Amino acid sequence: MDNPGRYLIIGLGNPGKTYERTRHNVGFRIVKAFAEKYNISFRPSLTRAKGSLGEGQVDGKKALLLMPLTYMNESGLSVRKCIDYYKIPKEQLIVVTDDVALPFTQLRLRKQGSSGGHNGLKSIEAHLGTQDYARLRVGVSDRREGELADYVLGHFNDEEEEKLPEIVDKAIETLEAWLLSDMDEAK
């Protein structure tokens, strides 16, 4: 591996207050909570990552945290720029994203896989030229009808908001296990 001591954790979402508490931004929410736990601060980094970037130590491992500022559909621009700048091997990156195919509260960690129709993952795959990277999918679906875009860009209801801290904590534990061990142990 090129850089065995550096790992990249990417939270997907859309920048701006309008999207802050939406289902589509659960990746941002989890990465922000991870950063808070480890006292990692974010700063805009348009030249290195086209996103908000944080750096810190997690049990002796150097962790880069990225929230792309390119909007969901162009997340791959930010990811590619960051990987190229910091020379992060794809084996040392993980993407945290919402997933409407999973029930609300369920998490799914995979070494690789398809985008499943998720535009942020499609963009990353296009820019990396591969589906071979880890992803932590966070279930947000209990959608029964209506437009998908309206649903993912909608806010969590009060009952869901009450459950979110537990989901975020579980996601952080999964990220820690991924970072500090191997994928099989992280599951």
N, C-alpha and C. Protein backbone atom coordinates (compact mmCIF):
# COMPACT_ATOMS: atom_id res chain seq x y z
N MET A 1 0.83 -1.19 0.00
CA MET A 1 0.00 0.00 0.00
C MET A 1 0.87 1.25 0.00
N ASP A 2 0.36 2.29 -0.64
CA ASP A 2 1.12 3.53 -0.76
C ASP A 2 1.30 4.25 0.58
N ASN A 3 0.27 4.28 1.38
CA ASN A 3 0.27 5.14 2.55
C ASN A 3 -0.43 4.42 3.71
N PRO A 4 0.20 3.42 4.31
CA PRO A 4 -0.50 2.58 5.28
C PRO A 4 -1.00 3.31 6.52
N GLY A 5 -0.51 4.50 6.81
CA GLY A 5 -0.93 5.19 8.01
C GLY A 5 -2.05 6.19 7.83
N ARG A 6 -2.58 6.34 6.63
CA ARG A 6 -3.58 7.39 6.39
C ARG A 6 -4.85 6.76 5.84
N TYR A 7 -5.98 7.10 6.46
CA TYR A 7 -7.28 6.58 6.06
C TYR A 7 -8.22 7.74 5.76
N LEU A 8 -9.14 7.52 4.86
CA LEU A 8 -10.08 8.56 4.45
C LEU A 8 -11.50 8.10 4.70
N ILE A 9 -12.23 8.87 5.50
CA ILE A 9 -13.64 8.60 5.78
C ILE A 9 -14.44 9.73 5.14
N ILE A 10 -15.32 9.36 4.22
CA ILE A 10 -16.08 10.33 3.44
C ILE A 10 -17.55 10.24 3.83
N GLY A 11 -18.11 11.36 4.21
CA GLY A 11 -19.55 11.43 4.47
C GLY A 11 -20.22 12.11 3.29
N LEU A 12 -21.25 11.48 2.73
CA LEU A 12 -21.94 12.10 1.60
C LEU A 12 -23.13 12.93 2.07
N GLY A 13 -23.36 14.00 1.33
CA GLY A 13 -24.47 14.90 1.63
C GLY A 13 -24.42 16.08 0.69
N ASN A 14 -25.28 17.03 0.94
CA ASN A 14 -25.31 18.28 0.18
C ASN A 14 -24.95 19.43 1.12
N PRO A 15 -24.15 20.39 0.65
CA PRO A 15 -23.78 21.52 1.51
C PRO A 15 -24.95 22.48 1.70
N GLY A 16 -24.91 23.21 2.79
CA GLY A 16 -25.88 24.27 3.03
C GLY A 16 -26.94 23.91 4.06
N LYS A 17 -27.44 24.94 4.71
CA LYS A 17 -28.45 24.78 5.78
C LYS A 17 -29.72 24.09 5.29
N THR A 18 -30.10 24.33 4.04
CA THR A 18 -31.33 23.76 3.50
C THR A 18 -31.33 22.24 3.61
N TYR A 19 -30.18 21.62 3.42
CA TYR A 19 -30.09 20.16 3.37
C TYR A 19 -29.62 19.53 4.68
N GLU A 20 -29.24 20.35 5.63
CA GLU A 20 -28.54 19.90 6.82
C GLU A 20 -29.19 18.71 7.53
N ARG A 21 -30.47 18.71 7.74
CA ARG A 21 -31.13 17.67 8.53
C ARG A 21 -31.93 16.70 7.66
N THR A 22 -31.59 16.61 6.38
CA THR A 22 -32.32 15.72 5.48
C THR A 22 -31.77 14.29 5.56
N ARG A 23 -32.56 13.37 5.05
CA ARG A 23 -32.14 11.97 5.01
C ARG A 23 -30.88 11.81 4.15
N HIS A 24 -30.80 12.55 3.06
CA HIS A 24 -29.67 12.45 2.15
C HIS A 24 -28.36 12.88 2.82
N ASN A 25 -28.44 13.62 3.90
CA ASN A 25 -27.25 14.14 4.57
C ASN A 25 -26.84 13.33 5.80
N VAL A 26 -27.37 12.14 5.94
CA VAL A 26 -27.02 11.34 7.11
C VAL A 26 -25.52 11.01 7.12
N GLY A 27 -24.90 10.92 5.94
CA GLY A 27 -23.45 10.70 5.88
C GLY A 27 -22.68 11.86 6.49
N PHE A 28 -23.08 13.09 6.16
CA PHE A 28 -22.47 14.27 6.78
C PHE A 28 -22.65 14.22 8.30
N ARG A 29 -23.85 13.91 8.73
CA ARG A 29 -24.16 13.91 10.16
C ARG A 29 -23.26 12.93 10.92
N ILE A 30 -23.07 11.75 10.35
CA ILE A 30 -22.25 10.73 11.01
C ILE A 30 -20.78 11.15 11.03
N VAL A 31 -20.28 11.66 9.94
CA VAL A 31 -18.87 12.07 9.89
C VAL A 31 -18.62 13.26 10.82
N LYS A 32 -19.58 14.17 10.92
CA LYS A 32 -19.44 15.29 11.87
C LYS A 32 -19.39 14.77 13.31
N ALA A 33 -20.23 13.80 13.63
CA ALA A 33 -20.24 13.23 14.99
C ALA A 33 -18.94 12.48 15.27
N PHE A 34 -18.42 11.78 14.28
CA PHE A 34 -17.13 11.10 14.40
C PHE A 34 -16.04 12.13 14.70
N ALA A 35 -16.05 13.22 13.95
CA ALA A 35 -15.06 14.29 14.14
C ALA A 35 -15.17 14.88 15.55
N GLU A 36 -16.39 15.09 16.00
CA GLU A 36 -16.59 15.65 17.34
C GLU A 36 -16.02 14.72 18.41
N LYS A 37 -16.26 13.42 18.26
CA LYS A 37 -15.76 12.44 19.24
C LYS A 37 -14.24 12.50 19.34
N TYR A 38 -13.56 12.72 18.22
CA TYR A 38 -12.10 12.72 18.20
C TYR A 38 -11.49 14.12 18.11
N ASN A 39 -12.28 15.13 18.42
CA ASN A 39 -11.81 16.52 18.41
C ASN A 39 -11.12 16.91 17.11
N ILE A 40 -11.75 16.52 16.01
CA ILE A 40 -11.23 16.86 14.69
C ILE A 40 -12.05 18.03 14.15
N SER A 41 -11.37 19.08 13.73
CA SER A 41 -12.04 20.25 13.18
C SER A 41 -12.01 20.19 11.65
N PHE A 42 -13.07 20.72 11.06
CA PHE A 42 -13.16 20.81 9.60
C PHE A 42 -12.77 22.19 9.14
N ARG A 43 -12.21 22.24 7.93
CA ARG A 43 -11.92 23.51 7.28
C ARG A 43 -12.21 23.33 5.79
N PRO A 44 -12.65 24.37 5.13
CA PRO A 44 -12.83 24.26 3.68
C PRO A 44 -11.49 24.01 3.01
N SER A 45 -11.47 23.11 2.06
CA SER A 45 -10.24 22.80 1.34
C SER A 45 -10.58 22.59 -0.12
N LEU A 46 -10.72 23.68 -0.84
CA LEU A 46 -11.12 23.59 -2.24
C LEU A 46 -9.99 23.11 -3.13
N THR A 47 -8.74 23.43 -2.78
CA THR A 47 -7.62 23.01 -3.62
C THR A 47 -7.26 21.54 -3.40
N ARG A 48 -7.40 21.05 -2.19
CA ARG A 48 -7.03 19.67 -1.88
C ARG A 48 -8.18 18.69 -2.04
N ALA A 49 -9.42 19.18 -1.88
CA ALA A 49 -10.51 18.20 -1.82
C ALA A 49 -11.86 18.69 -2.35
N LYS A 50 -12.01 19.95 -2.66
CA LYS A 50 -13.33 20.47 -3.01
C LYS A 50 -14.36 20.06 -1.96
N GLY A 51 -13.97 20.26 -0.70
CA GLY A 51 -14.86 19.87 0.39
C GLY A 51 -14.37 20.40 1.72
N SER A 52 -15.09 20.04 2.76
CA SER A 52 -14.65 20.32 4.12
C SER A 52 -13.81 19.13 4.56
N LEU A 53 -12.62 19.42 5.07
CA LEU A 53 -11.66 18.38 5.37
C LEU A 53 -11.21 18.52 6.81
N GLY A 54 -11.11 17.40 7.48
CA GLY A 54 -10.58 17.36 8.84
C GLY A 54 -9.50 16.29 8.94
N GLU A 55 -8.51 16.54 9.79
CA GLU A 55 -7.43 15.57 10.00
C GLU A 55 -7.23 15.36 11.49
N GLY A 56 -7.00 14.10 11.86
CA GLY A 56 -6.76 13.81 13.26
C GLY A 56 -6.26 12.40 13.45
N GLN A 57 -6.04 12.06 14.71
CA GLN A 57 -5.57 10.73 15.09
C GLN A 57 -6.70 9.96 15.76
N VAL A 58 -6.81 8.70 15.39
CA VAL A 58 -7.77 7.79 16.03
C VAL A 58 -6.97 6.56 16.43
N ASP A 59 -6.69 6.46 17.71
CA ASP A 59 -5.88 5.35 18.24
C ASP A 59 -4.61 5.11 17.42
N GLY A 60 -3.90 6.17 17.15
CA GLY A 60 -2.62 6.07 16.46
C GLY A 60 -2.70 6.03 14.94
N LYS A 61 -3.88 5.99 14.39
CA LYS A 61 -4.01 6.00 12.93
C LYS A 61 -4.45 7.38 12.47
N LYS A 62 -3.84 7.83 11.39
CA LYS A 62 -4.17 9.14 10.86
C LYS A 62 -5.46 9.03 10.05
N ALA A 63 -6.43 9.82 10.42
CA ALA A 63 -7.73 9.80 9.75
C ALA A 63 -7.99 11.15 9.09
N LEU A 64 -8.34 11.10 7.82
CA LEU A 64 -8.84 12.26 7.10
C LEU A 64 -10.34 12.10 6.99
N LEU A 65 -11.06 13.16 7.27
CA LEU A 65 -12.52 13.15 7.16
C LEU A 65 -12.90 14.15 6.08
N LEU A 66 -13.77 13.74 5.17
CA LEU A 66 -14.15 14.58 4.05
C LEU A 66 -15.66 14.66 3.90
N MET A 67 -16.15 15.88 3.74
CA MET A 67 -17.54 16.13 3.36
C MET A 67 -17.49 16.94 2.07
N PRO A 68 -17.75 16.30 0.93
CA PRO A 68 -17.69 17.02 -0.35
C PRO A 68 -18.63 18.22 -0.38
N LEU A 69 -18.17 19.31 -0.97
CA LEU A 69 -19.00 20.51 -1.12
C LEU A 69 -19.47 20.67 -2.57
N THR A 70 -19.45 19.59 -3.30
CA THR A 70 -19.78 19.59 -4.72
C THR A 70 -21.24 19.23 -4.99
N TYR A 71 -22.03 19.04 -3.96
CA TYR A 71 -23.38 18.49 -4.03
C TYR A 71 -23.28 17.00 -4.36
N MET A 72 -24.30 16.29 -3.95
CA MET A 72 -24.31 14.83 -4.01
C MET A 72 -23.93 14.28 -5.39
N ASN A 73 -24.53 14.81 -6.43
CA ASN A 73 -24.35 14.25 -7.77
C ASN A 73 -22.93 14.39 -8.32
N GLU A 74 -22.11 15.22 -7.70
CA GLU A 74 -20.72 15.40 -8.14
C GLU A 74 -19.72 15.06 -7.04
N SER A 75 -20.12 14.23 -6.11
CA SER A 75 -19.25 13.85 -4.99
C SER A 75 -17.92 13.27 -5.45
N GLY A 76 -17.94 12.57 -6.56
CA GLY A 76 -16.72 11.94 -7.07
C GLY A 76 -15.61 12.92 -7.39
N LEU A 77 -15.96 14.15 -7.80
CA LEU A 77 -14.94 15.18 -8.05
C LEU A 77 -14.12 15.43 -6.79
N SER A 78 -14.81 15.60 -5.68
CA SER A 78 -14.16 15.88 -4.41
C SER A 78 -13.34 14.68 -3.94
N VAL A 79 -13.93 13.50 -4.02
CA VAL A 79 -13.24 12.28 -3.57
C VAL A 79 -11.96 12.06 -4.39
N ARG A 80 -12.05 12.16 -5.70
CA ARG A 80 -10.89 11.95 -6.57
C ARG A 80 -9.78 12.96 -6.26
N LYS A 81 -10.16 14.22 -6.09
CA LYS A 81 -9.18 15.27 -5.80
C LYS A 81 -8.47 14.98 -4.47
N CYS A 82 -9.21 14.57 -3.47
CA CYS A 82 -8.64 14.28 -2.15
C CYS A 82 -7.71 13.06 -2.21
N ILE A 83 -8.16 12.01 -2.87
CA ILE A 83 -7.35 10.80 -2.99
C ILE A 83 -6.05 11.10 -3.73
N ASP A 84 -6.14 11.86 -4.80
CA ASP A 84 -4.94 12.19 -5.57
C ASP A 84 -3.98 13.06 -4.76
N TYR A 85 -4.51 14.05 -4.06
CA TYR A 85 -3.66 14.96 -3.30
C TYR A 85 -2.93 14.23 -2.16
N TYR A 86 -3.70 13.42 -1.41
CA TYR A 86 -3.13 12.74 -0.24
C TYR A 86 -2.59 11.35 -0.54
N LYS A 87 -2.75 10.90 -1.78
CA LYS A 87 -2.27 9.58 -2.21
C LYS A 87 -2.83 8.46 -1.34
N ILE A 88 -4.14 8.47 -1.20
CA ILE A 88 -4.84 7.47 -0.39
C ILE A 88 -5.20 6.28 -1.29
N PRO A 89 -4.76 5.08 -0.94
CA PRO A 89 -5.18 3.91 -1.71
C PRO A 89 -6.67 3.62 -1.47
N LYS A 90 -7.34 3.11 -2.47
CA LYS A 90 -8.79 2.87 -2.35
C LYS A 90 -9.12 1.90 -1.22
N GLU A 91 -8.17 1.05 -0.86
CA GLU A 91 -8.39 0.11 0.25
C GLU A 91 -8.48 0.84 1.60
N GLN A 92 -8.09 2.11 1.63
CA GLN A 92 -8.07 2.87 2.86
C GLN A 92 -9.07 4.01 2.85
N LEU A 93 -10.14 3.82 2.08
CA LEU A 93 -11.21 4.81 2.12
C LEU A 93 -12.54 4.11 2.32
N ILE A 94 -13.44 4.84 2.95
CA ILE A 94 -14.79 4.35 3.18
C ILE A 94 -15.74 5.53 2.96
N VAL A 95 -16.88 5.23 2.37
CA VAL A 95 -17.91 6.22 2.10
C VAL A 95 -19.12 5.91 2.98
N VAL A 96 -19.59 6.93 3.68
CA VAL A 96 -20.80 6.80 4.51
C VAL A 96 -21.94 7.50 3.78
N THR A 97 -23.01 6.76 3.53
CA THR A 97 -24.10 7.31 2.73
C THR A 97 -25.45 6.77 3.17
N ASP A 98 -26.48 7.51 2.79
CA ASP A 98 -27.86 7.07 3.02
C ASP A 98 -28.20 5.96 2.03
N ASP A 99 -29.19 5.13 2.40
CA ASP A 99 -29.64 4.07 1.50
C ASP A 99 -31.14 3.87 1.69
N VAL A 100 -31.90 4.15 0.64
CA VAL A 100 -33.36 3.98 0.71
C VAL A 100 -33.78 2.53 0.55
N ALA A 101 -32.86 1.66 0.17
CA ALA A 101 -33.20 0.24 0.04
C ALA A 101 -33.09 -0.50 1.38
N LEU A 102 -32.54 0.16 2.37
CA LEU A 102 -32.42 -0.44 3.71
C LEU A 102 -33.45 0.17 4.64
N PRO A 103 -34.01 -0.64 5.51
CA PRO A 103 -34.95 -0.10 6.50
C PRO A 103 -34.26 0.92 7.40
N PHE A 104 -35.04 1.89 7.85
CA PHE A 104 -34.53 2.89 8.78
C PHE A 104 -33.91 2.18 9.98
N THR A 105 -32.76 2.63 10.40
CA THR A 105 -31.93 2.15 11.52
C THR A 105 -30.95 1.06 11.13
N GLN A 106 -31.09 0.43 9.99
CA GLN A 106 -30.18 -0.65 9.60
C GLN A 106 -28.92 -0.09 8.95
N LEU A 107 -27.77 -0.69 9.27
CA LEU A 107 -26.49 -0.35 8.67
C LEU A 107 -25.98 -1.53 7.86
N ARG A 108 -25.27 -1.24 6.78
CA ARG A 108 -24.66 -2.30 5.97
C ARG A 108 -23.27 -1.86 5.55
N LEU A 109 -22.27 -2.63 5.97
CA LEU A 109 -20.88 -2.36 5.61
C LEU A 109 -20.46 -3.36 4.54
N ARG A 110 -19.89 -2.84 3.45
CA ARG A 110 -19.43 -3.69 2.35
C ARG A 110 -18.07 -3.23 1.86
N LYS A 111 -17.26 -4.21 1.41
CA LYS A 111 -15.94 -3.91 0.83
C LYS A 111 -16.07 -3.26 -0.53
N GLN A 112 -17.13 -3.57 -1.24
CA GLN A 112 -17.35 -3.07 -2.59
C GLN A 112 -18.80 -3.29 -2.95
N GLY A 113 -19.20 -2.82 -4.11
CA GLY A 113 -20.56 -3.05 -4.55
C GLY A 113 -21.01 -1.99 -5.53
N SER A 114 -22.22 -2.17 -5.99
CA SER A 114 -22.76 -1.22 -6.96
C SER A 114 -23.27 0.03 -6.25
N SER A 115 -23.60 1.02 -7.05
CA SER A 115 -24.14 2.27 -6.50
C SER A 115 -25.56 2.07 -5.99
N GLY A 116 -26.25 1.05 -6.50
CA GLY A 116 -27.64 0.84 -6.10
C GLY A 116 -28.52 2.01 -6.52
N GLY A 117 -28.10 2.74 -7.54
CA GLY A 117 -28.87 3.89 -8.01
C GLY A 117 -28.58 5.18 -7.27
N HIS A 118 -27.70 5.14 -6.27
CA HIS A 118 -27.39 6.33 -5.47
C HIS A 118 -26.47 7.25 -6.29
N ASN A 119 -26.89 8.48 -6.54
CA ASN A 119 -26.14 9.39 -7.41
C ASN A 119 -24.77 9.76 -6.87
N GLY A 120 -24.63 9.87 -5.56
CA GLY A 120 -23.32 10.16 -4.99
C GLY A 120 -22.34 9.02 -5.23
N LEU A 121 -22.79 7.78 -5.03
CA LEU A 121 -21.94 6.62 -5.28
C LEU A 121 -21.66 6.46 -6.77
N LYS A 122 -22.64 6.76 -7.62
CA LYS A 122 -22.42 6.70 -9.07
C LYS A 122 -21.29 7.65 -9.46
N SER A 123 -21.30 8.84 -8.91
CA SER A 123 -20.28 9.84 -9.22
C SER A 123 -18.90 9.37 -8.74
N ILE A 124 -18.84 8.80 -7.55
CA ILE A 124 -17.56 8.31 -7.03
C ILE A 124 -17.04 7.18 -7.92
N GLU A 125 -17.92 6.24 -8.29
CA GLU A 125 -17.51 5.15 -9.17
C GLU A 125 -16.99 5.67 -10.49
N ALA A 126 -17.66 6.67 -11.05
CA ALA A 126 -17.23 7.24 -12.33
C ALA A 126 -15.84 7.88 -12.21
N HIS A 127 -15.59 8.58 -11.12
CA HIS A 127 -14.31 9.28 -10.95
C HIS A 127 -13.17 8.36 -10.51
N LEU A 128 -13.51 7.28 -9.82
CA LEU A 128 -12.47 6.33 -9.40
C LEU A 128 -12.28 5.23 -10.44
N GLY A 129 -13.27 5.04 -11.30
CA GLY A 129 -13.20 3.99 -12.31
C GLY A 129 -13.37 2.60 -11.72
N THR A 130 -14.00 2.51 -10.55
CA THR A 130 -14.18 1.22 -9.89
C THR A 130 -15.32 1.28 -8.88
N GLN A 131 -15.85 0.11 -8.56
CA GLN A 131 -16.81 -0.04 -7.46
C GLN A 131 -16.11 -0.64 -6.24
N ASP A 132 -14.81 -0.80 -6.34
CA ASP A 132 -14.01 -1.50 -5.35
C ASP A 132 -13.52 -0.55 -4.26
N TYR A 133 -14.43 -0.13 -3.41
CA TYR A 133 -14.10 0.68 -2.24
C TYR A 133 -15.17 0.41 -1.19
N ALA A 134 -14.80 0.59 0.07
CA ALA A 134 -15.72 0.29 1.16
C ALA A 134 -16.81 1.35 1.26
N ARG A 135 -17.97 0.90 1.70
CA ARG A 135 -19.07 1.83 1.95
C ARG A 135 -19.87 1.36 3.15
N LEU A 136 -20.30 2.33 3.93
CA LEU A 136 -21.21 2.09 5.04
C LEU A 136 -22.53 2.73 4.67
N ARG A 137 -23.50 1.88 4.40
CA ARG A 137 -24.83 2.36 4.00
C ARG A 137 -25.71 2.45 5.25
N VAL A 138 -26.43 3.55 5.34
CA VAL A 138 -27.28 3.82 6.50
C VAL A 138 -28.73 3.86 6.02
N GLY A 139 -29.52 2.93 6.51
CA GLY A 139 -30.92 2.83 6.07
C GLY A 139 -31.73 4.05 6.47
N VAL A 140 -32.42 4.63 5.50
CA VAL A 140 -33.29 5.79 5.75
C VAL A 140 -34.70 5.55 5.23
N SER A 141 -34.98 4.34 4.77
CA SER A 141 -36.23 4.14 4.06
C SER A 141 -37.33 3.54 4.91
N ASP A 142 -38.40 4.21 4.91
CA ASP A 142 -39.71 3.71 5.30
C ASP A 142 -40.68 4.36 4.33
N ARG A 143 -40.15 4.79 3.19
CA ARG A 143 -40.93 5.50 2.17
C ARG A 143 -41.96 4.56 1.57
N ARG A 144 -43.17 5.01 1.56
CA ARG A 144 -44.24 4.18 1.03
C ARG A 144 -44.75 4.69 -0.31
N GLU A 145 -44.65 5.98 -0.54
CA GLU A 145 -45.12 6.55 -1.80
C GLU A 145 -44.45 7.90 -2.03
N GLY A 146 -44.67 8.47 -3.19
CA GLY A 146 -44.11 9.78 -3.51
C GLY A 146 -42.80 9.66 -4.26
N GLU A 147 -42.28 10.81 -4.63
CA GLU A 147 -41.04 10.89 -5.39
C GLU A 147 -39.83 10.60 -4.49
N LEU A 148 -38.90 9.83 -5.02
CA LEU A 148 -37.69 9.48 -4.28
C LEU A 148 -36.89 10.72 -3.90
N ALA A 149 -36.72 11.64 -4.85
CA ALA A 149 -35.95 12.86 -4.57
C ALA A 149 -36.58 13.66 -3.43
N ASP A 150 -37.89 13.78 -3.43
CA ASP A 150 -38.56 14.50 -2.35
C ASP A 150 -38.34 13.80 -1.01
N TYR A 151 -38.33 12.48 -1.04
CA TYR A 151 -38.15 11.71 0.20
C TYR A 151 -36.74 11.91 0.76
N VAL A 152 -35.71 11.69 -0.05
CA VAL A 152 -34.34 11.79 0.47
C VAL A 152 -33.95 13.23 0.81
N LEU A 153 -34.58 14.19 0.14
CA LEU A 153 -34.30 15.59 0.47
C LEU A 153 -35.24 16.12 1.55
N GLY A 154 -36.09 15.25 2.04
CA GLY A 154 -36.98 15.61 3.14
C GLY A 154 -36.28 15.40 4.48
N HIS A 155 -36.86 16.00 5.49
CA HIS A 155 -36.30 15.91 6.84
C HIS A 155 -36.82 14.67 7.55
N PHE A 156 -36.00 14.18 8.48
CA PHE A 156 -36.44 13.09 9.33
C PHE A 156 -37.62 13.58 10.17
N ASN A 157 -38.59 12.71 10.41
CA ASN A 157 -39.70 13.10 11.28
C ASN A 157 -39.24 13.04 12.74
N ASP A 158 -40.09 13.49 13.65
CA ASP A 158 -39.71 13.58 15.08
C ASP A 158 -39.33 12.22 15.65
N GLU A 159 -40.06 11.19 15.30
CA GLU A 159 -39.77 9.85 15.81
C GLU A 159 -38.41 9.36 15.30
N GLU A 160 -38.11 9.63 14.04
CA GLU A 160 -36.82 9.25 13.47
C GLU A 160 -35.68 10.04 14.12
N GLU A 161 -35.91 11.33 14.33
CA GLU A 161 -34.88 12.17 14.97
C GLU A 161 -34.53 11.64 16.36
N GLU A 162 -35.52 11.11 17.07
CA GLU A 162 -35.26 10.55 18.40
C GLU A 162 -34.35 9.33 18.32
N LYS A 163 -34.47 8.56 17.25
CA LYS A 163 -33.67 7.35 17.09
C LYS A 163 -32.29 7.61 16.47
N LEU A 164 -32.12 8.75 15.84
CA LEU A 164 -30.87 9.03 15.12
C LEU A 164 -29.61 9.00 15.98
N PRO A 165 -29.61 9.53 17.20
CA PRO A 165 -28.37 9.46 17.99
C PRO A 165 -27.86 8.03 18.17
N GLU A 166 -28.76 7.09 18.35
CA GLU A 166 -28.38 5.69 18.50
C GLU A 166 -27.79 5.14 17.19
N ILE A 167 -28.39 5.52 16.07
CA ILE A 167 -27.90 5.09 14.75
C ILE A 167 -26.52 5.69 14.49
N VAL A 168 -26.36 6.96 14.81
CA VAL A 168 -25.07 7.64 14.62
C VAL A 168 -24.00 6.97 15.47
N ASP A 169 -24.31 6.66 16.72
CA ASP A 169 -23.35 5.98 17.59
C ASP A 169 -22.95 4.62 17.03
N LYS A 170 -23.92 3.88 16.54
CA LYS A 170 -23.65 2.56 15.95
C LYS A 170 -22.77 2.71 14.70
N ALA A 171 -23.05 3.73 13.90
CA ALA A 171 -22.24 3.98 12.70
C ALA A 171 -20.81 4.35 13.09
N ILE A 172 -20.64 5.16 14.11
CA ILE A 172 -19.30 5.53 14.58
C ILE A 172 -18.54 4.29 15.04
N GLU A 173 -19.19 3.42 15.78
CA GLU A 173 -18.55 2.17 16.22
C GLU A 173 -18.11 1.33 15.02
N THR A 174 -18.94 1.29 13.99
CA THR A 174 -18.60 0.54 12.78
C THR A 174 -17.40 1.17 12.08
N LEU A 175 -17.37 2.48 11.99
CA LEU A 175 -16.23 3.18 11.38
C LEU A 175 -14.94 2.94 12.18
N GLU A 176 -15.05 2.98 13.50
CA GLU A 176 -13.88 2.72 14.34
C GLU A 176 -13.35 1.30 14.11
N ALA A 177 -14.25 0.34 14.06
CA ALA A 177 -13.84 -1.05 13.82
C ALA A 177 -13.19 -1.18 12.45
N TRP A 178 -13.74 -0.51 11.43
CA TRP A 178 -13.16 -0.54 10.09
C TRP A 178 -11.76 0.07 10.12
N LEU A 179 -11.61 1.18 10.79
CA LEU A 179 -10.36 1.90 10.84
C LEU A 179 -9.29 1.14 11.61
N LEU A 180 -9.67 0.50 12.69
CA LEU A 180 -8.71 -0.09 13.60
C LEU A 180 -8.49 -1.59 13.40
N SER A 181 -9.30 -2.20 12.56
CA SER A 181 -9.11 -3.64 12.29
C SER A 181 -9.33 -3.87 10.81
N ASP A 182 -9.75 -5.08 10.46
CA ASP A 182 -10.04 -5.30 9.05
C ASP A 182 -11.56 -5.33 8.84
N MET A 183 -11.95 -5.36 7.58
CA MET A 183 -13.37 -5.30 7.21
C MET A 183 -14.18 -6.42 7.86
N ASP A 184 -13.64 -7.62 7.90
CA ASP A 184 -14.41 -8.75 8.43
C ASP A 184 -14.73 -8.56 9.91
N GLU A 185 -13.79 -7.99 10.65
CA GLU A 185 -14.03 -7.72 12.07
C GLU A 185 -15.00 -6.57 12.26
N ALA A 186 -15.02 -5.63 11.34
CA ALA A 186 -15.87 -4.44 11.45
C ALA A 186 -17.34 -4.78 11.30
N LYS A 187 -17.65 -5.86 10.62
CA LYS A 187 -19.05 -6.24 10.42
C LYS A 187 -19.63 -6.66 11.73
